[in-house]
């Protein structure tokens, strides 16, 4: 029984390795999205609460000619109240 389980496990591992060689996962083509570098995506700080988040997840608002990044609509509203 144990031999059968080991044989099935070995077969699955072999199958997964072959699939990885034949069909690599998407995004493994070496291309880097525009908003990322080789080091990773640029992080920005929310001026209201101080949270750091990726620029692609941030809400962007131009206030008094400056671009600000926010983690949520709540922080954006609170920031606008103080300005």
Protein backbone atom coordinates (compact mmCIF):
# COMPACT_ATOMS: atom_id res chain seq x y z
CA UNK A 1 0.00 0.00 0.00
CA UNK A 2 2.81 2.43 0.89
CA UNK A 3 4.62 1.55 -2.34
CA UNK A 4 1.48 2.43 -4.31
CA UNK A 5 1.14 5.80 -2.56
CA UNK A 6 4.81 6.60 -3.16
CA UNK A 7 4.45 5.63 -6.82
CA UNK A 8 1.40 7.91 -7.20
CA UNK A 9 3.25 10.77 -5.47
CA UNK A 10 6.30 10.27 -7.68
CA UNK A 11 4.06 10.22 -10.76
CA UNK A 12 2.39 13.48 -9.73
CA UNK A 13 5.72 15.21 -9.07
CA UNK A 14 7.03 14.05 -12.45
CA UNK A 15 3.87 15.23 -14.21
CA UNK A 16 4.07 18.66 -12.52
CA UNK A 17 7.71 19.06 -13.52
CA UNK A 18 6.98 18.18 -17.14
CA UNK A 19 4.03 20.59 -17.23
CA UNK A 20 6.24 23.36 -15.83
CA UNK A 21 8.75 22.82 -18.59
CA UNK A 22 6.21 22.53 -21.41
CA UNK A 23 3.77 25.27 -20.31
CA UNK A 24 5.39 27.89 -18.08
CA UNK A 25 3.04 29.99 -15.98
CA UNK A 26 1.87 33.34 -17.38
CA UNK A 27 4.00 36.32 -16.47
CA UNK A 28 7.24 34.37 -16.63
CA UNK A 29 8.21 35.82 -20.02
CA UNK A 30 10.67 38.29 -18.47
CA UNK A 31 8.63 41.39 -19.30
CA UNK A 32 8.24 43.89 -16.48
CA UNK A 33 5.00 45.92 -16.22
CA UNK A 34 5.43 49.68 -16.69
CA UNK A 35 4.72 50.57 -13.05
CA UNK A 36 7.32 48.09 -11.74
CA UNK A 37 11.07 47.78 -11.79
CA UNK A 38 13.31 44.76 -11.29
CA UNK A 39 13.23 45.60 -7.57
CA UNK A 40 9.42 45.53 -7.43
CA UNK A 41 6.59 48.03 -7.62
CA UNK A 42 7.01 51.60 -6.39
CA UNK A 43 5.51 52.20 -2.94
CA UNK A 44 3.82 55.45 -1.91
CA UNK A 45 2.74 56.79 1.49
CA UNK A 46 -0.76 57.94 2.31
CA UNK A 47 -0.32 61.50 3.74
CA UNK A 48 -3.36 61.10 6.00
CA UNK A 49 -2.72 57.83 7.84
CA UNK A 50 0.89 57.06 6.88
CA UNK A 51 0.14 53.69 5.27
CA UNK A 52 2.52 52.55 2.53
CA UNK A 53 0.93 50.85 -0.46
CA UNK A 54 1.80 49.96 -4.07
CA UNK A 55 1.19 52.83 -6.48
CA UNK A 56 -1.14 50.61 -8.55
CA UNK A 57 -3.48 50.18 -5.53
CA UNK A 58 -3.48 53.85 -4.50
CA UNK A 59 -6.16 56.44 -5.16
CA UNK A 60 -4.55 59.44 -6.86
CA UNK A 61 -5.75 63.00 -6.25
CA UNK A 62 -4.28 66.34 -7.28
CA UNK A 63 -4.74 68.86 -4.48
CA UNK A 64 -3.34 72.40 -4.77
CA UNK A 65 -1.27 71.32 -7.78
CA UNK A 66 0.39 68.39 -6.00
CA UNK A 67 -0.29 64.73 -6.64
CA UNK A 68 -1.18 62.75 -3.50
CA UNK A 69 -1.75 58.99 -3.09
CA UNK A 70 -4.36 57.60 -0.69
CA UNK A 71 -5.17 54.12 0.60
CA UNK A 72 -8.93 54.74 0.76
CA UNK A 73 -11.69 57.21 -0.03
CA UNK A 74 -12.04 57.83 3.71
CA UNK A 75 -8.43 59.05 3.97
CA UNK A 76 -8.90 61.20 0.86
CA UNK A 77 -12.01 62.88 2.34
CA UNK A 78 -10.30 63.48 5.70
CA UNK A 79 -7.23 64.94 3.97
CA UNK A 80 -9.39 67.31 1.90
CA UNK A 81 -11.12 68.51 5.12
CA UNK A 82 -7.77 69.51 6.64
CA UNK A 83 -6.61 71.37 3.53
